[in-house]
Each structure stands twice: as structure tokens, then as C-alpha cells.
Protein backbone atom coordinates (compact mmCIF):
# COMPACT_ATOMS: atom_id res chain seq x y z
CA MET A 1 10.51 -15.13 -3.00
CA ALA A 2 11.71 -14.95 -6.59
CA GLN A 3 9.48 -17.89 -7.57
CA HIS A 4 6.44 -16.23 -5.97
CA THR A 5 7.23 -12.93 -7.71
CA GLY A 6 7.61 -14.69 -11.04
CA TYR A 7 4.24 -16.43 -10.64
CA SER A 8 2.59 -13.16 -9.59
CA ARG A 9 3.98 -11.40 -12.66
CA TRP A 10 2.69 -14.24 -14.86
CA VAL A 11 -0.82 -13.93 -13.37
CA ASP A 12 -0.67 -10.14 -13.74
CA ASN A 13 0.20 -10.47 -17.43
CA LEU A 14 -2.59 -13.01 -17.89
CA TYR A 15 -5.22 -10.64 -16.46
CA GLY A 16 -3.71 -7.37 -17.65
CA SER A 17 -2.90 -6.10 -14.18
CA GLU A 18 0.37 -4.74 -12.83
CA LEU A 19 2.53 -5.90 -9.91
CA ASP A 20 4.36 -3.18 -8.00
CA ILE A 21 6.85 -4.29 -5.37
CA VAL A 22 7.68 -1.93 -2.53
CA ASP A 23 11.37 -1.65 -1.71
CA ARG A 24 12.20 -3.93 1.23
CA PHE A 25 13.59 -0.93 3.15
CA PHE A 26 10.45 1.21 2.70
CA PRO A 27 9.76 2.38 6.30
CA SER A 28 6.07 1.38 6.37
CA SER A 29 6.15 0.57 10.10
CA LYS A 30 8.25 3.57 11.10
CA THR A 31 6.27 6.19 9.17
CA CYS A 32 3.30 7.87 10.83
CA SER A 33 0.21 7.18 8.72
CA ASN A 34 -1.22 10.52 9.85
CA CYS A 35 1.62 13.04 9.28
CA GLN A 36 4.30 10.89 7.51
CA ASP A 37 6.94 11.68 10.13
CA ILE A 38 9.47 8.83 10.43
CA LYS A 39 10.14 7.41 13.89
CA GLN A 40 13.74 6.16 13.69
CA ASP A 41 13.78 4.61 17.18
CA LEU A 42 10.91 2.14 16.60
CA THR A 43 12.07 -1.41 17.34
CA LEU A 44 10.61 -4.81 16.38
CA SER A 45 9.42 -5.31 19.96
CA ASP A 46 7.30 -2.12 19.80
CA ARG A 47 3.79 -3.33 18.93
CA TRP A 48 2.14 0.10 19.18
CA PHE A 49 3.14 3.13 17.14
CA THR A 50 2.95 6.54 18.82
CA CYS A 51 4.10 9.44 16.66
CA ASN A 52 6.53 11.86 18.30
CA ASN A 53 5.38 14.62 15.94
CA CYS A 54 1.55 14.55 15.90
CA GLY A 55 0.75 12.06 18.68
CA GLY A 56 -0.96 9.63 16.29
CA PHE A 57 -1.49 6.18 17.86
CA ASN A 58 -2.04 2.86 16.04
CA HIS A 59 -1.08 -0.78 16.23
CA ARG A 60 2.23 -1.12 14.40
CA ASP A 61 0.84 -3.51 11.74
CA LEU A 62 -2.24 -1.37 11.11
CA ASN A 63 -0.02 1.70 10.74
CA ALA A 64 2.19 -0.16 8.24
CA SER A 65 -0.81 -1.41 6.24
CA ILE A 66 -2.24 2.13 6.00
CA ASN A 67 1.13 3.36 4.72
CA LEU A 68 1.36 0.57 2.14
CA ALA A 69 -2.20 1.25 0.99
CA SER A 70 -1.35 4.94 0.64
CA TYR A 71 1.78 4.02 -1.32
CA ALA A 72 -0.25 1.82 -3.67
CA ASP A 73 -2.97 4.48 -3.96
CA GLY A 74 -0.39 6.86 -5.40
CA LEU A 75 0.44 4.45 -8.22
CA SER A 76 -1.24 4.44 -11.58
CA VAL A 77 -4.48 2.45 -11.47
CA LYS A 78 -5.50 0.45 -14.52
CA VAL A 79 -9.06 -0.81 -14.38
CA CYS A 80 -10.98 -2.04 -17.42
CA GLY A 81 -8.27 -0.64 -19.69
CA VAL A 82 -8.54 2.90 -18.30
CA ASP A 83 -5.36 4.43 -16.86
CA ASN A 84 -5.69 6.40 -13.60
CA ALA A 85 -9.35 5.44 -13.37
CA ASP A 86 -11.63 6.53 -10.57
CA VAL A 87 -12.12 3.02 -9.17
CA THR A 88 -15.42 3.89 -7.44
CA THR A 89 -16.91 5.23 -10.68
CA VAL A 90 -15.74 2.18 -12.65
CA LYS A 91 -17.28 -0.19 -10.06
CA GLN A 92 -20.58 1.72 -10.21
CA LYS A 93 -20.63 1.52 -14.01
CA ILE A 94 -19.99 -2.23 -13.91
CA LYS A 95 -22.83 -2.77 -11.38
CA SER A 96 -25.29 -0.75 -13.47
CA ASN A 97 -24.62 -2.82 -16.63
């Protein structure tokens, strides 16, 4: 893992991007992607996530990926040298040029 992380950081420096690593204990599978309630009793054998709070229902891996995307979405975005850029606007500007 350390070798992969080192390579990823090298590539990020090369292209001016940033690597953010989520803590290994971040409860991405146990957190409801709808209301952010944490389901403590979720086990590895549970393939479907049903929230005890709001009733939200998703496949466990889809739920985790939504939570990780939300986590990353809250981080500073650097696109074309602009901090906290509106990515959609930047993409539209690039297409129009």
C-alpha cells in the first residue's frame, strides 16, 4: 500500500493534483448516504444497507461509494489552477475554447 501511495503522490505532483486519503476507519459502509446516521450493527455479511433512522435502502457498496464521493466533494477542488472551482463551469469553459 505504501508503494502505491508513494506512486500516486508522485503522479499527483507531476500533474498538479492532490491525493487525499480517507482514514481506514471512516465508516463509509455503515453511514446512511441519505441522512448520515451510522448503523453500528452492520456486518461484513450484510450486502444491503437499510437505515434504521430514515429507511434508506441501497447495496452496501453503492452506499459506501456515495459516502466516499460526498467526502471527496467536501474537499477543496483544484482545477486549472483555481481553488474551490465550480467543476461544471470549468468543464464548460474548456469545451467552448
